[in-house]
Amino acid sequence: MIKLVYSNQNEWKDITTVTGSYSRSDNIDSLGQELNFTMAVNPLDSKFSNYEIEIGSKVIMFSDNNPVFRGIVVSASRNG
């Protein structure tokens, strides 16, 4: 089971229920990994307003309670 959490200012939040379309890739030349995902955010809906991630936030993806990715948000874009 996949679980995705993020931290900004040392407060961890589980964002698994509002995210999807996960894709991971790596690049041997830069010795780095990349994680992309989509996220439902709506500042006008109280169920989705507290999940907006800022650049610089830490993200950890778990698979069966084992961390498989740790990174920092470096870009974000909005659709719609």
PDB file of N, CA and C in Angstrom:
ATOM      1  N   MET A   1       0.838  -1.180   0.000  1.00  0.00           N
ATOM      2  CA  MET A   1       0.000   0.000   0.000  1.00  0.00           C
ATOM      3  C   MET A   1       0.883   1.242   0.000  1.00  0.00           C
ATOM      4  N   ILE A   2       0.560   2.179  -0.856  1.00  0.00           N
ATOM      5  CA  ILE A   2       1.311   3.431  -0.974  1.00  0.00           C
ATOM      6  C   ILE A   2       0.790   4.452   0.036  1.00  0.00           C
ATOM      7  N   LYS A   3       1.716   5.202   0.630  1.00  0.00           N
ATOM      8  CA  LYS A   3       1.380   6.291   1.536  1.00  0.00           C
ATOM      9  C   LYS A   3       2.306   7.451   1.204  1.00  0.00           C
ATOM     10  N   LEU A   4       1.762   8.656   1.093  1.00  0.00           N
ATOM     11  CA  LEU A   4       2.546   9.842   0.776  1.00  0.00           C
ATOM     12  C   LEU A   4       2.332  10.884   1.861  1.00  0.00           C
ATOM     13  N   VAL A   5       3.418  11.369   2.449  1.00  0.00           N
ATOM     14  CA  VAL A   5       3.352  12.391   3.494  1.00  0.00           C
ATOM     15  C   VAL A   5       4.264  13.548   3.118  1.00  0.00           C
ATOM     16  N   TYR A   6       3.958  14.735   3.643  1.00  0.00           N
ATOM     17  CA  TYR A   6       4.834  15.886   3.422  1.00  0.00           C
ATOM     18  C   TYR A   6       4.984  16.682   4.699  1.00  0.00           C
ATOM     19  N   SER A   7       6.054  17.451   4.748  1.00  0.00           N
ATOM     20  CA  SER A   7       6.345  18.268   5.917  1.00  0.00           C
ATOM     21  C   SER A   7       6.756  19.654   5.476  1.00  0.00           C
ATOM     22  N   ASN A   8       6.202  20.632   6.144  1.00  0.00           N
ATOM     23  CA  ASN A   8       6.639  22.010   6.002  1.00  0.00           C
ATOM     24  C   ASN A   8       6.671  22.570   7.410  1.00  0.00           C
ATOM     25  N   GLN A   9       7.815  22.991   7.849  1.00  0.00           N
ATOM     26  CA  GLN A   9       8.008  23.503   9.201  1.00  0.00           C
ATOM     27  C   GLN A   9       7.793  22.398  10.242  1.00  0.00           C
ATOM     28  N   ASN A  10       8.304  21.189   9.955  1.00  0.00           N
ATOM     29  CA  ASN A  10       8.332  20.052  10.877  1.00  0.00           C
ATOM     30  C   ASN A  10       6.970  19.525  11.299  1.00  0.00           C
ATOM     31  N   GLU A  11       5.924  19.777  10.524  1.00  0.00           N
ATOM     32  CA  GLU A  11       4.609  19.189  10.784  1.00  0.00           C
ATOM     33  C   GLU A  11       4.283  18.256   9.620  1.00  0.00           C
ATOM     34  N   TRP A  12       4.186  16.948   9.896  1.00  0.00           N
ATOM     35  CA  TRP A  12       3.949  15.959   8.851  1.00  0.00           C
ATOM     36  C   TRP A  12       2.461  15.764   8.635  1.00  0.00           C
ATOM     37  N   LYS A  13       2.050  15.720   7.350  1.00  0.00           N
ATOM     38  CA  LYS A  13       0.653  15.477   6.995  1.00  0.00           C
ATOM     39  C   LYS A  13       0.583  14.351   5.979  1.00  0.00           C
ATOM     40  N   ASP A  14      -0.394  13.485   6.152  1.00  0.00           N
ATOM     41  CA  ASP A  14      -0.650  12.403   5.209  1.00  0.00           C
ATOM     42  C   ASP A  14      -1.524  12.963   4.082  1.00  0.00           C
ATOM     43  N   ILE A  15      -1.017  12.927   2.851  1.00  0.00           N
ATOM     44  CA  ILE A  15      -1.760  13.463   1.708  1.00  0.00           C
ATOM     45  C   ILE A  15      -2.161  12.361   0.725  1.00  0.00           C
ATOM     46  N   THR A  16      -2.099  11.121   1.158  1.00  0.00           N
ATOM     47  CA  THR A  16      -2.388   9.986   0.286  1.00  0.00           C
ATOM     48  C   THR A  16      -3.789  10.065  -0.309  1.00  0.00           C
ATOM     49  N   THR A  17      -4.774  10.453   0.490  1.00  0.00           N
ATOM     50  CA  THR A  17      -6.165  10.437   0.029  1.00  0.00           C
ATOM     51  C   THR A  17      -6.471  11.510  -1.005  1.00  0.00           C
ATOM     52  N   VAL A  18      -5.640  12.540  -1.129  1.00  0.00           N
ATOM     53  CA  VAL A  18      -5.906  13.611  -2.102  1.00  0.00           C
ATOM     54  C   VAL A  18      -4.892  13.617  -3.241  1.00  0.00           C
ATOM     55  N   THR A  19      -4.093  12.553  -3.353  1.00  0.00           N
ATOM     56  CA  THR A  19      -3.094  12.472  -4.421  1.00  0.00           C
ATOM     57  C   THR A  19      -3.318  11.236  -5.276  1.00  0.00           C
ATOM     58  N   GLY A  20      -2.695  11.234  -6.452  1.00  0.00           N
ATOM     59  CA  GLY A  20      -2.793  10.095  -7.358  1.00  0.00           C
ATOM     60  C   GLY A  20      -1.836  10.258  -8.520  1.00  0.00           C
ATOM     61  N   SER A  21      -1.905   9.378  -9.481  1.00  0.00           N
ATOM     62  CA  SER A  21      -1.063   9.395 -10.692  1.00  0.00           C
ATOM     63  C   SER A  21       0.422   9.494 -10.349  1.00  0.00           C
ATOM     64  N   TYR A  22       0.887   8.618  -9.507  1.00  0.00           N
ATOM     65  CA  TYR A  22       2.285   8.630  -9.084  1.00  0.00           C
ATOM     66  C   TYR A  22       3.188   8.119 -10.202  1.00  0.00           C
ATOM     67  N   SER A  23       4.314   8.780 -10.401  1.00  0.00           N
ATOM     68  CA  SER A  23       5.337   8.266 -11.316  1.00  0.00           C
ATOM     69  C   SER A  23       6.707   8.624 -10.763  1.00  0.00           C
ATOM     70  N   ARG A  24       7.585   7.634 -10.780  1.00  0.00           N
ATOM     71  CA  ARG A  24       8.954   7.818 -10.294  1.00  0.00           C
ATOM     72  C   ARG A  24       9.905   7.552 -11.432  1.00  0.00           C
ATOM     73  N   SER A  25      11.000   8.316 -11.464  1.00  0.00           N
ATOM     74  CA  SER A  25      12.042   8.064 -12.458  1.00  0.00           C
ATOM     75  C   SER A  25      13.383   8.383 -11.825  1.00  0.00           C
ATOM     76  N   ASP A  26      14.442   7.856 -12.425  1.00  0.00           N
ATOM     77  CA  ASP A  26      15.774   8.167 -11.921  1.00  0.00           C
ATOM     78  C   ASP A  26      16.687   8.473 -13.096  1.00  0.00           C
ATOM     79  N   ASN A  27      17.798   9.107 -12.766  1.00  0.00           N
ATOM     80  CA  ASN A  27      18.766   9.508 -13.777  1.00  0.00           C
ATOM     81  C   ASN A  27      20.151   9.193 -13.233  1.00  0.00           C
ATOM     82  N   ILE A  28      20.832   8.260 -13.843  1.00  0.00           N
ATOM     83  CA  ILE A  28      22.149   7.846 -13.374  1.00  0.00           C
ATOM     84  C   ILE A  28      23.187   8.955 -13.536  1.00  0.00           C
ATOM     85  N   ASP A  29      23.019   9.829 -14.541  1.00  0.00           N
ATOM     86  CA  ASP A  29      23.979  10.911 -14.762  1.00  0.00           C
ATOM     87  C   ASP A  29      23.989  11.918 -13.614  1.00  0.00           C
ATOM     88  N   SER A  30      22.812  12.212 -13.059  1.00  0.00           N
ATOM     89  CA  SER A  30      22.755  13.173 -11.955  1.00  0.00           C
ATOM     90  C   SER A  30      22.614  12.491 -10.598  1.00  0.00           C
ATOM     91  N   LEU A  31      22.572  11.154 -10.600  1.00  0.00           N
ATOM     92  CA  LEU A  31      22.407  10.383  -9.363  1.00  0.00           C
ATOM     93  C   LEU A  31      21.194  10.859  -8.572  1.00  0.00           C
ATOM     94  N   GLY A  32      20.098  11.096  -9.272  1.00  0.00           N
ATOM     95  CA  GLY A  32      18.900  11.595  -8.616  1.00  0.00           C
ATOM     96  C   GLY A  32      17.657  10.836  -9.025  1.00  0.00           C
ATOM     97  N   GLN A  33      16.605  11.040  -8.251  1.00  0.00           N
ATOM     98  CA  GLN A  33      15.307  10.473  -8.536  1.00  0.00           C
ATOM     99  C   GLN A  33      14.284  11.593  -8.602  1.00  0.00           C
ATOM    100  N   GLU A  34      13.179  11.316  -9.280  1.00  0.00           N
ATOM    101  CA  GLU A  34      12.106  12.296  -9.420  1.00  0.00           C
ATOM    102  C   GLU A  34      10.782  11.588  -9.142  1.00  0.00           C
ATOM    103  N   LEU A  35       9.917  12.260  -8.400  1.00  0.00           N
ATOM    104  CA  LEU A  35       8.579  11.748  -8.125  1.00  0.00           C
ATOM    105  C   LEU A  35       7.584  12.789  -8.609  1.00  0.00           C
ATOM    106  N   ASN A  36       6.641  12.368  -9.430  1.00  0.00           N
ATOM    107  CA  ASN A  36       5.566  13.242  -9.890  1.00  0.00           C
ATOM    108  C   ASN A  36       4.242  12.674  -9.412  1.00  0.00           C
ATOM    109  N   PHE A  37       3.318  13.556  -9.037  1.00  0.00           N
ATOM    110  CA  PHE A  37       1.990  13.120  -8.637  1.00  0.00           C
ATOM    111  C   PHE A  37       1.011  14.263  -8.830  1.00  0.00           C
ATOM    112  N   THR A  38      -0.256  13.923  -8.920  1.00  0.00           N
ATOM    113  CA  THR A  38      -1.305  14.936  -8.984  1.00  0.00           C
ATOM    114  C   THR A  38      -1.961  15.027  -7.614  1.00  0.00           C
ATOM    115  N   MET A  39      -2.538  16.196  -7.357  1.00  0.00           N
ATOM    116  CA  MET A  39      -3.118  16.436  -6.040  1.00  0.00           C
ATOM    117  C   MET A  39      -4.370  17.289  -6.179  1.00  0.00           C
ATOM    118  N   ALA A  40      -5.445  16.904  -5.490  1.00  0.00           N
ATOM    119  CA  ALA A  40      -6.678  17.675  -5.483  1.00  0.00           C
ATOM    120  C   ALA A  40      -6.589  18.753  -4.408  1.00  0.00           C
ATOM    121  N   VAL A  41      -6.649  20.015  -4.832  1.00  0.00           N
ATOM    122  CA  VAL A  41      -6.601  21.146  -3.902  1.00  0.00           C
ATOM    123  C   VAL A  41      -7.692  22.130  -4.296  1.00  0.00           C
ATOM    124  N   ASN A  42      -8.460  22.591  -3.326  1.00  0.00           N
ATOM    125  CA  ASN A  42      -9.503  23.576  -3.577  1.00  0.00           C
ATOM    126  C   ASN A  42      -9.604  24.483  -2.362  1.00  0.00           C
ATOM    127  N   PRO A  43      -9.130  25.724  -2.452  1.00  0.00           N
ATOM    128  CA  PRO A  43      -9.177  26.614  -1.292  1.00  0.00           C
ATOM    129  C   PRO A  43     -10.593  26.969  -0.848  1.00  0.00           C
ATOM    130  N   LEU A  44     -11.595  26.724  -1.699  1.00  0.00           N
ATOM    131  CA  LEU A  44     -12.979  27.041  -1.348  1.00  0.00           C
ATOM    132  C   LEU A  44     -13.705  25.876  -0.674  1.00  0.00           C
ATOM    133  N   ASP A  45     -13.092  24.700  -0.639  1.00  0.00           N
ATOM    134  CA  ASP A  45     -13.683  23.517  -0.024  1.00  0.00           C
ATOM    135  C   ASP A  45     -12.871  23.148   1.218  1.00  0.00           C
ATOM    136  N   SER A  46     -13.506  23.103   2.370  1.00  0.00           N
ATOM    137  CA  SER A  46     -12.782  22.861   3.624  1.00  0.00           C
ATOM    138  C   SER A  46     -12.110  21.492   3.654  1.00  0.00           C
ATOM    139  N   LYS A  47     -12.594  20.514   2.882  1.00  0.00           N
ATOM    140  CA  LYS A  47     -11.985  19.185   2.858  1.00  0.00           C
ATOM    141  C   LYS A  47     -10.663  19.160   2.101  1.00  0.00           C
ATOM    142  N   PHE A  48     -10.462  20.125   1.194  1.00  0.00           N
ATOM    143  CA  PHE A  48      -9.262  20.127   0.360  1.00  0.00           C
ATOM    144  C   PHE A  48      -8.401  21.374   0.526  1.00  0.00           C
ATOM    145  N   SER A  49      -8.752  22.289   1.400  1.00  0.00           N
ATOM    146  CA  SER A  49      -8.031  23.565   1.493  1.00  0.00           C
ATOM    147  C   SER A  49      -6.742  23.487   2.302  1.00  0.00           C
ATOM    148  N   ASN A  50      -6.561  22.494   3.149  1.00  0.00           N
ATOM    149  CA  ASN A  50      -5.391  22.426   4.025  1.00  0.00           C
ATOM    150  C   ASN A  50      -4.251  21.602   3.458  1.00  0.00           C
ATOM    151  N   TYR A  51      -4.286  21.295   2.167  1.00  0.00           N
ATOM    152  CA  TYR A  51      -3.305  20.383   1.598  1.00  0.00           C
ATOM    153  C   TYR A  51      -2.356  21.025   0.601  1.00  0.00           C
ATOM    154  N   GLU A  52      -2.377  22.306   0.438  1.00  0.00           N
ATOM    155  CA  GLU A  52      -1.508  22.919  -0.563  1.00  0.00           C
ATOM    156  C   GLU A  52      -0.044  22.822  -0.125  1.00  0.00           C
ATOM    157  N   ILE A  53       0.788  22.277  -1.010  1.00  0.00           N
ATOM    158  CA  ILE A  53       2.200  22.062  -0.702  1.00  0.00           C
ATOM    159  C   ILE A  53       3.021  23.217  -1.248  1.00  0.00           C
ATOM    160  N   GLU A  54       3.936  23.722  -0.444  1.00  0.00           N
ATOM    161  CA  GLU A  54       4.808  24.823  -0.858  1.00  0.00           C
ATOM    162  C   GLU A  54       6.137  24.283  -1.371  1.00  0.00           C
ATOM    163  N   ILE A  55       6.771  25.055  -2.230  1.00  0.00           N
ATOM    164  CA  ILE A  55       8.106  24.720  -2.710  1.00  0.00           C
ATOM    165  C   ILE A  55       9.036  24.655  -1.500  1.00  0.00           C
ATOM    166  N   GLY A  56       9.857  23.636  -1.447  1.00  0.00           N
ATOM    167  CA  GLY A  56      10.769  23.441  -0.324  1.00  0.00           C
ATOM    168  C   GLY A  56      10.267  22.459   0.716  1.00  0.00           C
ATOM    169  N   SER A  57       9.008  22.043   0.588  1.00  0.00           N
ATOM    170  CA  SER A  57       8.463  21.047   1.517  1.00  0.00           C
ATOM    171  C   SER A  57       9.126  19.696   1.283  1.00  0.00           C
ATOM    172  N   LYS A  58       9.244  18.921   2.340  1.00  0.00           N
ATOM    173  CA  LYS A  58       9.801  17.571   2.242  1.00  0.00           C
ATOM    174  C   LYS A  58       8.675  16.585   1.963  1.00  0.00           C
ATOM    175  N   VAL A  59       8.959  15.580   1.125  1.00  0.00           N
ATOM    176  CA  VAL A  59       7.976  14.562   0.765  1.00  0.00           C
ATOM    177  C   VAL A  59       8.599  13.185   0.970  1.00  0.00           C
ATOM    178  N   ILE A  60       7.828  12.269   1.551  1.00  0.00           N
ATOM    179  CA  ILE A  60       8.271  10.885   1.696  1.00  0.00           C
ATOM    180  C   ILE A  60       7.162   9.973   1.185  1.00  0.00           C
ATOM    181  N   MET A  61       7.533   9.039   0.322  1.00  0.00           N
ATOM    182  CA  MET A  61       6.597   8.026  -0.160  1.00  0.00           C
ATOM    183  C   MET A  61       6.960   6.693   0.489  1.00  0.00           C
ATOM    184  N   PHE A  62       5.952   6.033   1.039  1.00  0.00           N
ATOM    185  CA  PHE A  62       6.125   4.737   1.675  1.00  0.00           C
ATOM    186  C   PHE A  62       5.404   3.673   0.857  1.00  0.00           C
ATOM    187  N   SER A  63       5.980   2.487   0.803  1.00  0.00           N
ATOM    188  CA  SER A  63       5.324   1.315   0.239  1.00  0.00           C
ATOM    189  C   SER A  63       5.384   0.234   1.301  1.00  0.00           C
ATOM    190  N   ASP A  64       4.226  -0.172   1.779  1.00  0.00           N
ATOM    191  CA  ASP A  64       4.148  -1.148   2.874  1.00  0.00           C
ATOM    192  C   ASP A  64       4.982  -0.708   4.077  1.00  0.00           C
ATOM    193  N   ASN A  65       4.845   0.549   4.453  1.00  0.00           N
ATOM    194  CA  ASN A  65       5.525   1.169   5.600  1.00  0.00           C
ATOM    195  C   ASN A  65       7.039   1.258   5.468  1.00  0.00           C
ATOM    196  N   ASN A  66       7.580   1.051   4.280  1.00  0.00           N
ATOM    197  CA  ASN A  66       9.012   1.224   4.027  1.00  0.00           C
ATOM    198  C   ASN A  66       9.201   2.440   3.121  1.00  0.00           C
ATOM    199  N   PRO A  67      10.066   3.379   3.502  1.00  0.00           N
ATOM    200  CA  PRO A  67      10.276   4.547   2.642  1.00  0.00           C
ATOM    201  C   PRO A  67      10.942   4.152   1.324  1.00  0.00           C
ATOM    202  N   VAL A  68      10.345   4.561   0.202  1.00  0.00           N
ATOM    203  CA  VAL A  68      10.902   4.261  -1.118  1.00  0.00           C
ATOM    204  C   VAL A  68      11.350   5.531  -1.838  1.00  0.00           C
ATOM    205  N   PHE A  69      10.958   6.698  -1.314  1.00  0.00           N
ATOM    206  CA  PHE A  69      11.381   7.969  -1.901  1.00  0.00           C
ATOM    207  C   PHE A  69      11.368   9.037  -0.820  1.00  0.00           C
ATOM    208  N   ARG A  70      12.420   9.844  -0.794  1.00  0.00           N
ATOM    209  CA  ARG A  70      12.492  11.030   0.066  1.00  0.00           C
ATOM    210  C   ARG A  70      12.990  12.166  -0.804  1.00  0.00           C
ATOM    211  N   GLY A  71      12.306  13.291  -0.756  1.00  0.00           N
ATOM    212  CA  GLY A  71      12.729  14.399  -1.590  1.00  0.00           C
ATOM    213  C   GLY A  71      12.166  15.719  -1.126  1.00  0.00           C
ATOM    214  N   ILE A  72      12.488  16.753  -1.891  1.00  0.00           N
ATOM    215  CA  ILE A  72      12.051  18.120  -1.616  1.00  0.00           C
ATOM    216  C   ILE A  72      11.294  18.623  -2.838  1.00  0.00           C
ATOM    217  N   VAL A  73      10.164  19.271  -2.617  1.00  0.00           N
ATOM    218  CA  VAL A  73       9.361  19.819  -3.707  1.00  0.00           C
ATOM    219  C   VAL A  73      10.124  20.966  -4.348  1.00  0.00           C
ATOM    220  N   VAL A  74      10.382  20.843  -5.655  1.00  0.00           N
ATOM    221  CA  VAL A  74      11.123  21.882  -6.371  1.00  0.00           C
ATOM    222  C   VAL A  74      10.273  22.604  -7.391  1.00  0.00           C
ATOM    223  N   SER A  75       9.106  22.052  -7.741  1.00  0.00           N
ATOM    224  CA  SER A  75       8.213  22.743  -8.663  1.00  0.00           C
ATOM    225  C   SER A  75       6.783  22.261  -8.463  1.00  0.00           C
ATOM    226  N   ALA A  76       5.850  23.123  -8.810  1.00  0.00           N
ATOM    227  CA  ALA A  76       4.423  22.800  -8.706  1.00  0.00           C
ATOM    228  C   ALA A  76       3.690  23.586  -9.793  1.00  0.00           C
ATOM    229  N   SER A  77       2.623  23.008 -10.294  1.00  0.00           N
ATOM    230  CA  SER A  77       1.804  23.709 -11.277  1.00  0.00           C
ATOM    231  C   SER A  77       0.346  23.431 -10.997  1.00  0.00           C
ATOM    232  N   ARG A  78      -0.524  24.323 -11.456  1.00  0.00           N
ATOM    233  CA  ARG A  78      -1.962  24.180 -11.243  1.00  0.00           C
ATOM    234  C   ARG A  78      -2.657  23.948 -12.564  1.00  0.00           C
ATOM    235  N   ASN A  79      -3.693  23.143 -12.508  1.00  0.00           N
ATOM    236  CA  ASN A  79      -4.577  22.905 -13.639  1.00  0.00           C
ATOM    237  C   ASN A  79      -5.979  23.293 -13.238  1.00  0.00           C
ATOM    238  N   GLY A  80      -6.640  24.026 -14.056  1.00  0.00           N
ATOM    239  CA  GLY A  80      -8.048  24.322 -13.829  1.00  0.00           C
ATOM    240  C   GLY A  80      -8.374  25.240 -12.711  1.00  0.00           C
TER     241      GLY A  80
END
